[in-house]
Amino acid sequence: MTKKARSRLGSSDDPRDLREVELLRRSLFGSLSESERLLTKEQVCERVGRTFPTIWSWMRRGLFPRARVAGRTSVWLESEINAWMTALPLRAYRDDNETSETRPE
């Protein structure tokens, strides 16, 4: 992600924010599995491939997992973002309705 894009997303490279997120993750979500991670706004935007205003709009309409508050930072559970992406519909293609007999092998 470019420096300009980070500034538009309001990202902070302040190590205090990252430490704060990690401490909160350990205290609040200690019961989660070791593989569970918290994702920052920048990480979510990168994974989903959309800007934060779009994600914000989806959250407001209930179409995207809501963020959690970790100090001054919004975070998402990686499992919720993965589940959201997995639940997206598959793209339909023109030849999806053809039988396997007419498809080349």
PDB file of N, CA and C in Angstrom:
ATOM      1  N   MET A   1       0.850  -1.168   0.000  1.00  0.00           N
ATOM      2  CA  MET A   1       0.000   0.000   0.000  1.00  0.00           C
ATOM      3  C   MET A   1       0.899   1.235   0.000  1.00  0.00           C
ATOM      4  N   THR A   2       0.537   2.217  -0.785  1.00  0.00           N
ATOM      5  CA  THR A   2       1.363   3.412  -0.896  1.00  0.00           C
ATOM      6  C   THR A   2       1.210   4.306   0.318  1.00  0.00           C
ATOM      7  N   LYS A   3       2.167   5.209   0.481  1.00  0.00           N
ATOM      8  CA  LYS A   3       2.131   6.143   1.604  1.00  0.00           C
ATOM      9  C   LYS A   3       0.896   7.036   1.516  1.00  0.00           C
ATOM     10  N   LYS A   4       0.557   7.459   0.299  1.00  0.00           N
ATOM     11  CA  LYS A   4      -0.620   8.309   0.088  1.00  0.00           C
ATOM     12  C   LYS A   4      -1.902   7.567   0.473  1.00  0.00           C
ATOM     13  N   ALA A   5      -1.995   6.300   0.086  1.00  0.00           N
ATOM     14  CA  ALA A   5      -3.185   5.508   0.425  1.00  0.00           C
ATOM     15  C   ALA A   5      -3.292   5.332   1.930  1.00  0.00           C
ATOM     16  N   ARG A   6      -2.156   5.092   2.604  1.00  0.00           N
ATOM     17  CA  ARG A   6      -2.187   4.947   4.060  1.00  0.00           C
ATOM     18  C   ARG A   6      -2.691   6.215   4.729  1.00  0.00           C
ATOM     19  N   SER A   7      -2.264   7.368   4.221  1.00  0.00           N
ATOM     20  CA  SER A   7      -2.687   8.619   4.844  1.00  0.00           C
ATOM     21  C   SER A   7      -4.173   8.848   4.638  1.00  0.00           C
ATOM     22  N   ARG A   8      -4.705   8.438   3.492  1.00  0.00           N
ATOM     23  CA  ARG A   8      -6.141   8.582   3.260  1.00  0.00           C
ATOM     24  C   ARG A   8      -6.946   7.664   4.173  1.00  0.00           C
ATOM     25  N   LEU A   9      -6.395   6.515   4.498  1.00  0.00           N
ATOM     26  CA  LEU A   9      -7.082   5.576   5.385  1.00  0.00           C
ATOM     27  C   LEU A   9      -6.931   5.965   6.849  1.00  0.00           C
ATOM     28  N   GLY A  10      -6.110   6.947   7.121  1.00  0.00           N
ATOM     29  CA  GLY A  10      -5.904   7.370   8.498  1.00  0.00           C
ATOM     30  C   GLY A  10      -5.057   6.392   9.279  1.00  0.00           C
ATOM     31  N   SER A  11      -4.172   5.705   8.582  1.00  0.00           N
ATOM     32  CA  SER A  11      -3.360   4.714   9.274  1.00  0.00           C
ATOM     33  C   SER A  11      -2.308   5.393  10.119  1.00  0.00           C
ATOM     34  N   SER A  12      -1.882   4.676  11.085  1.00  0.00           N
ATOM     35  CA  SER A  12      -0.849   5.183  11.968  1.00  0.00           C
ATOM     36  C   SER A  12       0.230   4.132  12.088  1.00  0.00           C
ATOM     37  N   ASP A  13       1.463   4.564  11.931  1.00  0.00           N
ATOM     38  CA  ASP A  13       2.573   3.641  12.119  1.00  0.00           C
ATOM     39  C   ASP A  13       3.103   3.743  13.538  1.00  0.00           C
ATOM     40  N   ASP A  14       2.330   4.376  14.395  1.00  0.00           N
ATOM     41  CA  ASP A  14       2.733   4.560  15.780  1.00  0.00           C
ATOM     42  C   ASP A  14       2.802   3.201  16.461  1.00  0.00           C
ATOM     43  N   PRO A  15       3.970   2.808  16.948  1.00  0.00           N
ATOM     44  CA  PRO A  15       4.094   1.490  17.587  1.00  0.00           C
ATOM     45  C   PRO A  15       3.215   1.345  18.817  1.00  0.00           C
ATOM     46  N   ARG A  16       2.845   2.471  19.442  1.00  0.00           N
ATOM     47  CA  ARG A  16       1.954   2.377  20.612  1.00  0.00           C
ATOM     48  C   ARG A  16       0.611   1.799  20.220  1.00  0.00           C
ATOM     49  N   ASP A  17       0.099   2.168  19.037  1.00  0.00           N
ATOM     50  CA  ASP A  17      -1.181   1.632  18.576  1.00  0.00           C
ATOM     51  C   ASP A  17      -1.103   0.126  18.389  1.00  0.00           C
ATOM     52  N   LEU A  18      -0.017  -0.343  17.781  1.00  0.00           N
ATOM     53  CA  LEU A  18       0.128  -1.779  17.551  1.00  0.00           C
ATOM     54  C   LEU A  18       0.281  -2.538  18.859  1.00  0.00           C
ATOM     55  N   ARG A  19       1.039  -1.985  19.792  1.00  0.00           N
ATOM     56  CA  ARG A  19       1.176  -2.618  21.109  1.00  0.00           C
ATOM     57  C   ARG A  19      -0.164  -2.655  21.818  1.00  0.00           C
ATOM     58  N   GLU A  20      -0.918  -1.549  21.715  1.00  0.00           N
ATOM     59  CA  GLU A  20      -2.217  -1.468  22.366  1.00  0.00           C
ATOM     60  C   GLU A  20      -3.168  -2.523  21.812  1.00  0.00           C
ATOM     61  N   VAL A  21      -3.169  -2.695  20.500  1.00  0.00           N
ATOM     62  CA  VAL A  21      -4.014  -3.709  19.866  1.00  0.00           C
ATOM     63  C   VAL A  21      -3.633  -5.102  20.351  1.00  0.00           C
ATOM     64  N   GLU A  22      -2.339  -5.373  20.403  1.00  0.00           N
ATOM     65  CA  GLU A  22      -1.885  -6.696  20.834  1.00  0.00           C
ATOM     66  C   GLU A  22      -2.242  -6.959  22.292  1.00  0.00           C
ATOM     67  N   LEU A  23      -2.062  -5.972  23.157  1.00  0.00           N
ATOM     68  CA  LEU A  23      -2.421  -6.145  24.570  1.00  0.00           C
ATOM     69  C   LEU A  23      -3.920  -6.373  24.740  1.00  0.00           C
ATOM     70  N   LEU A  24      -4.718  -5.610  24.024  1.00  0.00           N
ATOM     71  CA  LEU A  24      -6.162  -5.794  24.103  1.00  0.00           C
ATOM     72  C   LEU A  24      -6.579  -7.152  23.546  1.00  0.00           C
ATOM     73  N   ARG A  25      -5.927  -7.572  22.462  1.00  0.00           N
ATOM     74  CA  ARG A  25      -6.250  -8.879  21.894  1.00  0.00           C
ATOM     75  C   ARG A  25      -6.009  -9.969  22.926  1.00  0.00           C
ATOM     76  N   ARG A  26      -4.887  -9.872  23.614  1.00  0.00           N
ATOM     77  CA  ARG A  26      -4.567 -10.897  24.607  1.00  0.00           C
ATOM     78  C   ARG A  26      -5.518 -10.864  25.785  1.00  0.00           C
ATOM     79  N   SER A  27      -5.896  -9.672  26.237  1.00  0.00           N
ATOM     80  CA  SER A  27      -6.758  -9.593  27.415  1.00  0.00           C
ATOM     81  C   SER A  27      -8.216  -9.892  27.087  1.00  0.00           C
ATOM     82  N   LEU A  28      -8.725  -9.364  25.982  1.00  0.00           N
ATOM     83  CA  LEU A  28     -10.140  -9.540  25.652  1.00  0.00           C
ATOM     84  C   LEU A  28     -10.433 -10.843  24.932  1.00  0.00           C
ATOM     85  N   PHE A  29      -9.512 -11.267  24.090  1.00  0.00           N
ATOM     86  CA  PHE A  29      -9.773 -12.422  23.255  1.00  0.00           C
ATOM     87  C   PHE A  29      -8.834 -13.572  23.579  1.00  0.00           C
ATOM     88  N   GLY A  30      -8.407 -13.651  24.805  1.00  0.00           N
ATOM     89  CA  GLY A  30      -7.478 -14.696  25.209  1.00  0.00           C
ATOM     90  C   GLY A  30      -8.025 -16.093  24.990  1.00  0.00           C
ATOM     91  N   SER A  31      -9.347 -16.225  24.985  1.00  0.00           N
ATOM     92  CA  SER A  31      -9.949 -17.540  24.810  1.00  0.00           C
ATOM     93  C   SER A  31      -9.986 -17.974  23.350  1.00  0.00           C
ATOM     94  N   LEU A  32      -9.632 -17.089  22.421  1.00  0.00           N
ATOM     95  CA  LEU A  32      -9.632 -17.450  21.017  1.00  0.00           C
ATOM     96  C   LEU A  32      -8.459 -18.365  20.714  1.00  0.00           C
ATOM     97  N   SER A  33      -8.565 -19.075  19.632  1.00  0.00           N
ATOM     98  CA  SER A  33      -7.471 -19.966  19.252  1.00  0.00           C
ATOM     99  C   SER A  33      -6.243 -19.147  18.888  1.00  0.00           C
ATOM    100  N   GLU A  34      -5.103 -19.791  18.932  1.00  0.00           N
ATOM    101  CA  GLU A  34      -3.841 -19.119  18.618  1.00  0.00           C
ATOM    102  C   GLU A  34      -3.811 -18.604  17.188  1.00  0.00           C
ATOM    103  N   SER A  35      -4.544 -19.249  16.289  1.00  0.00           N
ATOM    104  CA  SER A  35      -4.515 -18.835  14.891  1.00  0.00           C
ATOM    105  C   SER A  35      -5.381 -17.596  14.638  1.00  0.00           C
ATOM    106  N   GLU A  36      -6.212 -17.220  15.598  1.00  0.00           N
ATOM    107  CA  GLU A  36      -7.078 -16.044  15.432  1.00  0.00           C
ATOM    108  C   GLU A  36      -6.245 -14.778  15.494  1.00  0.00           C
ATOM    109  N   ARG A  37      -6.493 -13.886  14.552  1.00  0.00           N
ATOM    110  CA  ARG A  37      -5.758 -12.634  14.499  1.00  0.00           C
ATOM    111  C   ARG A  37      -6.730 -11.470  14.432  1.00  0.00           C
ATOM    112  N   LEU A  38      -6.266 -10.323  14.883  1.00  0.00           N
ATOM    113  CA  LEU A  38      -7.004  -9.088  14.715  1.00  0.00           C
ATOM    114  C   LEU A  38      -6.414  -8.358  13.520  1.00  0.00           C
ATOM    115  N   LEU A  39      -7.274  -7.844  12.664  1.00  0.00           N
ATOM    116  CA  LEU A  39      -6.828  -7.127  11.480  1.00  0.00           C
ATOM    117  C   LEU A  39      -7.120  -5.646  11.633  1.00  0.00           C
ATOM    118  N   THR A  40      -6.192  -4.818  11.213  1.00  0.00           N
ATOM    119  CA  THR A  40      -6.388  -3.372  11.241  1.00  0.00           C
ATOM    120  C   THR A  40      -7.208  -2.940  10.026  1.00  0.00           C
ATOM    121  N   LYS A  41      -7.603  -1.686  10.031  1.00  0.00           N
ATOM    122  CA  LYS A  41      -8.378  -1.136   8.928  1.00  0.00           C
ATOM    123  C   LYS A  41      -7.626  -1.300   7.605  1.00  0.00           C
ATOM    124  N   GLU A  42      -6.335  -1.030   7.620  1.00  0.00           N
ATOM    125  CA  GLU A  42      -5.534  -1.133   6.408  1.00  0.00           C
ATOM    126  C   GLU A  42      -5.472  -2.570   5.901  1.00  0.00           C
ATOM    127  N   GLN A  43      -5.322  -3.516   6.827  1.00  0.00           N
ATOM    128  CA  GLN A  43      -5.262  -4.927   6.446  1.00  0.00           C
ATOM    129  C   GLN A  43      -6.587  -5.396   5.861  1.00  0.00           C
ATOM    130  N   VAL A  44      -7.700  -4.945   6.447  1.00  0.00           N
ATOM    131  CA  VAL A  44      -9.024  -5.325   5.940  1.00  0.00           C
ATOM    132  C   VAL A  44      -9.227  -4.756   4.542  1.00  0.00           C
ATOM    133  N   CYS A  45      -8.885  -3.483   4.347  1.00  0.00           N
ATOM    134  CA  CYS A  45      -9.039  -2.862   3.027  1.00  0.00           C
ATOM    135  C   CYS A  45      -8.208  -3.600   1.982  1.00  0.00           C
ATOM    136  N   GLU A  46      -7.014  -3.989   2.354  1.00  0.00           N
ATOM    137  CA  GLU A  46      -6.142  -4.700   1.427  1.00  0.00           C
ATOM    138  C   GLU A  46      -6.706  -6.073   1.082  1.00  0.00           C
ATOM    139  N   ARG A  47      -7.204  -6.795   2.072  1.00  0.00           N
ATOM    140  CA  ARG A  47      -7.762  -8.134   1.829  1.00  0.00           C
ATOM    141  C   ARG A  47      -9.017  -8.092   0.982  1.00  0.00           C
ATOM    142  N   VAL A  48      -9.887  -7.130   1.290  1.00  0.00           N
ATOM    143  CA  VAL A  48     -11.173  -7.063   0.612  1.00  0.00           C
ATOM    144  C   VAL A  48     -11.041  -6.385  -0.752  1.00  0.00           C
ATOM    145  N   GLY A  49     -10.037  -5.529  -0.906  1.00  0.00           N
ATOM    146  CA  GLY A  49      -9.843  -4.846  -2.175  1.00  0.00           C
ATOM    147  C   GLY A  49     -10.781  -3.670  -2.370  1.00  0.00           C
ATOM    148  N   ARG A  50     -11.228  -3.088  -1.279  1.00  0.00           N
ATOM    149  CA  ARG A  50     -12.128  -1.926  -1.332  1.00  0.00           C
ATOM    150  C   ARG A  50     -11.603  -0.848  -0.406  1.00  0.00           C
ATOM    151  N   THR A  51     -12.053   0.375  -0.626  1.00  0.00           N
ATOM    152  CA  THR A  51     -11.653   1.483   0.233  1.00  0.00           C
ATOM    153  C   THR A  51     -12.440   1.438   1.531  1.00  0.00           C
ATOM    154  N   PHE A  52     -11.933   2.148   2.549  1.00  0.00           N
ATOM    155  CA  PHE A  52     -12.630   2.139   3.818  1.00  0.00           C
ATOM    156  C   PHE A  52     -14.017   2.786   3.743  1.00  0.00           C
ATOM    157  N   PRO A  53     -14.226   3.864   2.972  1.00  0.00           N
ATOM    158  CA  PRO A  53     -15.598   4.391   2.877  1.00  0.00           C
ATOM    159  C   PRO A  53     -16.607   3.354   2.373  1.00  0.00           C
ATOM    160  N   THR A  54     -16.178   2.500   1.456  1.00  0.00           N
ATOM    161  CA  THR A  54     -17.069   1.433   0.972  1.00  0.00           C
ATOM    162  C   THR A  54     -17.345   0.429   2.087  1.00  0.00           C
ATOM    163  N   ILE A  55     -16.304   0.026   2.789  1.00  0.00           N
ATOM    164  CA  ILE A  55     -16.472  -0.928   3.895  1.00  0.00           C
ATOM    165  C   ILE A  55     -17.352  -0.319   4.986  1.00  0.00           C
ATOM    166  N   TRP A  56     -17.147   0.964   5.281  1.00  0.00           N
ATOM    167  CA  TRP A  56     -17.967   1.655   6.278  1.00  0.00           C
ATOM    168  C   TRP A  56     -19.435   1.624   5.876  1.00  0.00           C
ATOM    169  N   SER A  57     -19.707   1.890   4.614  1.00  0.00           N
ATOM    170  CA  SER A  57     -21.087   1.855   4.115  1.00  0.00           C
ATOM    171  C   SER A  57     -21.685   0.461   4.262  1.00  0.00           C
ATOM    172  N   TRP A  58     -20.905  -0.562   3.913  1.00  0.00           N
ATOM    173  CA  TRP A  58     -21.386  -1.939   4.057  1.00  0.00           C
ATOM    174  C   TRP A  58     -21.660  -2.272   5.516  1.00  0.00           C
ATOM    175  N   MET A  59     -20.800  -1.816   6.427  1.00  0.00           N
ATOM    176  CA  MET A  59     -21.018  -2.087   7.859  1.00  0.00           C
ATOM    177  C   MET A  59     -22.315  -1.424   8.320  1.00  0.00           C
ATOM    178  N   ARG A  60     -22.540  -0.201   7.901  1.00  0.00           N
ATOM    179  CA  ARG A  60     -23.750   0.530   8.307  1.00  0.00           C
ATOM    180  C   ARG A  60     -25.024  -0.164   7.829  1.00  0.00           C
ATOM    181  N   ARG A  61     -24.931  -0.803   6.659  1.00  0.00           N
ATOM    182  CA  ARG A  61     -26.097  -1.502   6.101  1.00  0.00           C
ATOM    183  C   ARG A  61     -26.172  -2.966   6.524  1.00  0.00           C
ATOM    184  N   GLY A  62     -25.223  -3.403   7.349  1.00  0.00           N
ATOM    185  CA  GLY A  62     -25.228  -4.787   7.827  1.00  0.00           C
ATOM    186  C   GLY A  62     -24.725  -5.791   6.814  1.00  0.00           C
ATOM    187  N   LEU A  63     -23.961  -5.336   5.822  1.00  0.00           N
ATOM    188  CA  LEU A  63     -23.451  -6.215   4.777  1.00  0.00           C
ATOM    189  C   LEU A  63     -22.014  -6.670   5.023  1.00  0.00           C
ATOM    190  N   PHE A  64     -21.396  -6.176   6.086  1.00  0.00           N
ATOM    191  CA  PHE A  64     -19.990  -6.475   6.372  1.00  0.00           C
ATOM    192  C   PHE A  64     -19.833  -6.572   7.883  1.00  0.00           C
ATOM    193  N   PRO A  65     -18.934  -7.427   8.369  1.00  0.00           N
ATOM    194  CA  PRO A  65     -18.740  -7.557   9.826  1.00  0.00           C
ATOM    195  C   PRO A  65     -18.375  -6.214  10.468  1.00  0.00           C
ATOM    196  N   ARG A  66     -18.954  -5.953  11.636  1.00  0.00           N
ATOM    197  CA  ARG A  66     -18.670  -4.707  12.354  1.00  0.00           C
ATOM    198  C   ARG A  66     -17.288  -4.757  12.991  1.00  0.00           C
ATOM    199  N   ALA A  67     -16.676  -3.587  13.089  1.00  0.00           N
ATOM    200  CA  ALA A  67     -15.357  -3.476  13.713  1.00  0.00           C
ATOM    201  C   ALA A  67     -15.500  -3.539  15.229  1.00  0.00           C
ATOM    202  N   ARG A  68     -14.430  -3.920  15.877  1.00  0.00           N
ATOM    203  CA  ARG A  68     -14.346  -3.892  17.335  1.00  0.00           C
ATOM    204  C   ARG A  68     -13.404  -2.758  17.712  1.00  0.00           C
ATOM    205  N   VAL A  69     -13.566  -2.233  18.898  1.00  0.00           N
ATOM    206  CA  VAL A  69     -12.723  -1.140  19.355  1.00  0.00           C
ATOM    207  C   VAL A  69     -11.608  -1.711  20.217  1.00  0.00           C
ATOM    208  N   ALA A  70     -10.386  -1.384  19.852  1.00  0.00           N
ATOM    209  CA  ALA A  70      -9.217  -1.789  20.624  1.00  0.00           C
ATOM    210  C   ALA A  70      -8.417  -0.517  20.905  1.00  0.00           C
ATOM    211  N   GLY A  71      -8.716   0.116  22.024  1.00  0.00           N
ATOM    212  CA  GLY A  71      -8.071   1.387  22.340  1.00  0.00           C
ATOM    213  C   GLY A  71      -8.562   2.463  21.403  1.00  0.00           C
ATOM    214  N   ARG A  72      -7.646   3.021  20.618  1.00  0.00           N
ATOM    215  CA  ARG A  72      -8.013   4.045  19.632  1.00  0.00           C
ATOM    216  C   ARG A  72      -8.128   3.463  18.238  1.00  0.00           C
ATOM    217  N   THR A  73      -8.062   2.165  18.123  1.00  0.00           N
ATOM    218  CA  THR A  73      -7.981   1.509  16.827  1.00  0.00           C
ATOM    219  C   THR A  73      -9.187   0.603  16.603  1.00  0.00           C
ATOM    220  N   SER A  74      -9.691   0.609  15.375  1.00  0.00           N
ATOM    221  CA  SER A  74     -10.733  -0.334  14.979  1.00  0.00           C
ATOM    222  C   SER A  74     -10.063  -1.593  14.470  1.00  0.00           C
ATOM    223  N   VAL A  75     -10.557  -2.742  14.888  1.00  0.00           N
ATOM    224  CA  VAL A  75      -9.998  -4.026  14.465  1.00  0.00           C
ATOM    225  C   VAL A  75     -11.129  -4.988  14.122  1.00  0.00           C
ATOM    226  N   TRP A  76     -10.804  -5.965  13.289  1.00  0.00           N
ATOM    227  CA  TRP A  76     -11.751  -7.000  12.898  1.00  0.00           C
ATOM    228  C   TRP A  76     -11.128  -8.346  13.180  1.00  0.00           C
ATOM    229  N   LEU A  77     -11.949  -9.324  13.510  1.00  0.00           N
ATOM    230  CA  LEU A  77     -11.472 -10.692  13.670  1.00  0.00           C
ATOM    231  C   LEU A  77     -11.218 -11.267  12.278  1.00  0.00           C
ATOM    232  N   GLU A  78     -10.049 -11.840  12.097  1.00  0.00           N
ATOM    233  CA  GLU A  78      -9.687 -12.416  10.809  1.00  0.00           C
ATOM    234  C   GLU A  78     -10.696 -13.482  10.379  1.00  0.00           C
ATOM    235  N   SER A  79     -11.187 -14.269  11.328  1.00  0.00           N
ATOM    236  CA  SER A  79     -12.138 -15.334  11.000  1.00  0.00           C
ATOM    237  C   SER A  79     -13.444 -14.765  10.447  1.00  0.00           C
ATOM    238  N   GLU A  80     -13.883 -13.617  10.960  1.00  0.00           N
ATOM    239  CA  GLU A  80     -15.114 -13.004  10.455  1.00  0.00           C
ATOM    240  C   GLU A  80     -14.935 -12.477   9.039  1.00  0.00           C
ATOM    241  N   ILE A  81     -13.769 -11.903   8.760  1.00  0.00           N
ATOM    242  CA  ILE A  81     -13.501 -11.401   7.407  1.00  0.00           C
ATOM    243  C   ILE A  81     -13.392 -12.582   6.438  1.00  0.00           C
ATOM    244  N   ASN A  82     -12.713 -13.647   6.865  1.00  0.00           N
ATOM    245  CA  ASN A  82     -12.603 -14.841   6.013  1.00  0.00           C
ATOM    246  C   ASN A  82     -13.974 -15.450   5.748  1.00  0.00           C
ATOM    247  N   ALA A  83     -14.824 -15.519   6.777  1.00  0.00           N
ATOM    248  CA  ALA A  83     -16.173 -16.074   6.612  1.00  0.00           C
ATOM    249  C   ALA A  83     -16.994 -15.212   5.654  1.00  0.00           C
ATOM    250  N   TRP A  84     -16.852 -13.893   5.759  1.00  0.00           N
ATOM    251  CA  TRP A  84     -17.575 -12.983   4.865  1.00  0.00           C
ATOM    252  C   TRP A  84     -17.143 -13.216   3.414  1.00  0.00           C
ATOM    253  N   MET A  85     -15.827 -13.343   3.199  1.00  0.00           N
ATOM    254  CA  MET A  85     -15.334 -13.554   1.832  1.00  0.00           C
ATOM    255  C   MET A  85     -15.780 -14.916   1.290  1.00  0.00           C
ATOM    256  N   THR A  86     -15.798 -15.931   2.145  1.00  0.00           N
ATOM    257  CA  THR A  86     -16.223 -17.267   1.729  1.00  0.00           C
ATOM    258  C   THR A  86     -17.702 -17.285   1.356  1.00  0.00           C
ATOM    259  N   ALA A  87     -18.501 -16.455   2.023  1.00  0.00           N
ATOM    260  CA  ALA A  87     -19.944 -16.429   1.779  1.00  0.00           C
ATOM    261  C   ALA A  87     -20.326 -15.623   0.541  1.00  0.00           C
ATOM    262  N   LEU A  88     -19.378 -14.934  -0.080  1.00  0.00           N
ATOM    263  CA  LEU A  88     -19.694 -14.177  -1.292  1.00  0.00           C
ATOM    264  C   LEU A  88     -20.163 -15.135  -2.377  1.00  0.00           C
ATOM    265  N   PRO A  89     -21.133 -14.700  -3.197  1.00  0.00           N
ATOM    266  CA  PRO A  89     -21.633 -15.598  -4.245  1.00  0.00           C
ATOM    267  C   PRO A  89     -20.577 -15.832  -5.324  1.00  0.00           C
ATOM    268  N   LEU A  90     -20.666 -16.994  -5.951  1.00  0.00           N
ATOM    269  CA  LEU A  90     -19.776 -17.314  -7.055  1.00  0.00           C
ATOM    270  C   LEU A  90     -20.253 -16.602  -8.310  1.00  0.00           C
ATOM    271  N   ARG A  91     -19.327 -16.188  -9.131  1.00  0.00           N
ATOM    272  CA  ARG A  91     -19.673 -15.531 -10.390  1.00  0.00           C
ATOM    273  C   ARG A  91     -20.244 -16.571 -11.348  1.00  0.00           C
ATOM    274  N   ALA A  92     -21.326 -16.211 -12.021  1.00  0.00           N
ATOM    275  CA  ALA A  92     -21.932 -17.086 -13.024  1.00  0.00           C
ATOM    276  C   ALA A  92     -21.307 -16.781 -14.386  1.00  0.00           C
ATOM    277  N   TYR A  93     -21.038 -17.822 -15.136  1.00  0.00           N
ATOM    278  CA  TYR A  93     -20.495 -17.677 -16.479  1.00  0.00           C
ATOM    279  C   TYR A  93     -21.486 -18.225 -17.493  1.00  0.00           C
ATOM    280  N   ARG A  94     -21.350 -17.762 -18.746  1.00  0.00           N
ATOM    281  CA  ARG A  94     -22.303 -18.139 -19.784  1.00  0.00           C
ATOM    282  C   ARG A  94     -22.455 -19.648 -19.930  1.00  0.00           C
ATOM    283  N   ASP A  95     -21.375 -20.368 -19.878  1.00  0.00           N
ATOM    284  CA  ASP A  95     -21.457 -21.807 -20.150  1.00  0.00           C
ATOM    285  C   ASP A  95     -21.761 -22.645 -18.906  1.00  0.00           C
ATOM    286  N   ASP A  96     -22.131 -22.014 -17.800  1.00  0.00           N
ATOM    287  CA  ASP A  96     -22.437 -22.769 -16.582  1.00  0.00           C
ATOM    288  C   ASP A  96     -23.634 -23.704 -16.751  1.00  0.00           C
ATOM    289  N   ASN A  97     -24.564 -23.383 -17.634  1.00  0.00           N
ATOM    290  CA  ASN A  97     -25.768 -24.195 -17.796  1.00  0.00           C
ATOM    291  C   ASN A  97     -25.600 -25.307 -18.824  1.00  0.00           C
ATOM    292  N   GLU A  98     -24.484 -25.312 -19.536  1.00  0.00           N
ATOM    293  CA  GLU A  98     -24.255 -26.365 -20.519  1.00  0.00           C
ATOM    294  C   GLU A  98     -23.931 -27.663 -19.823  1.00  0.00           C
ATOM    295  N   THR A  99     -24.235 -28.757 -20.474  1.00  0.00           N
ATOM    296  CA  THR A  99     -23.923 -30.065 -19.908  1.00  0.00           C
ATOM    297  C   THR A  99     -22.458 -30.380 -20.156  1.00  0.00           C
ATOM    298  N   SER A 100     -21.937 -31.304 -19.423  1.00  0.00           N
ATOM    299  CA  SER A 100     -20.520 -31.673 -19.562  1.00  0.00           C
ATOM    300  C   SER A 100     -20.243 -32.348 -20.917  1.00  0.00           C
ATOM    301  N   GLU A 101     -21.308 -32.836 -21.603  1.00  0.00           N
ATOM    302  CA  GLU A 101     -21.115 -33.503 -22.890  1.00  0.00           C
ATOM    303  C   GLU A 101     -20.632 -32.516 -23.952  1.00  0.00           C
ATOM    304  N   THR A 102     -21.044 -31.271 -23.859  1.00  0.00           N
ATOM    305  CA  THR A 102     -20.697 -30.310 -24.890  1.00  0.00           C
ATOM    306  C   THR A 102     -19.416 -29.552 -24.579  1.00  0.00           C
ATOM    307  N   ARG A 103     -18.873 -29.741 -23.402  1.00  0.00           N
ATOM    308  CA  ARG A 103     -17.633 -29.059 -23.026  1.00  0.00           C
ATOM    309  C   ARG A 103     -16.422 -29.823 -23.543  1.00  0.00           C
ATOM    310  N   PRO A 104     -15.449 -29.103 -24.067  1.00  0.00           N
ATOM    311  CA  PRO A 104     -14.233 -29.788 -24.499  1.00  0.00           C
ATOM    312  C   PRO A 104     -13.456 -30.323 -23.298  1.00  0.00           C
ATOM    313  N   GLU A 105     -12.777 -31.417 -23.490  1.00  0.00           N
ATOM    314  CA  GLU A 105     -12.015 -32.024 -22.402  1.00  0.00           C
ATOM    315  C   GLU A 105     -10.563 -31.766 -22.520  1.00  0.00           C
TER     316      GLU A 105
END
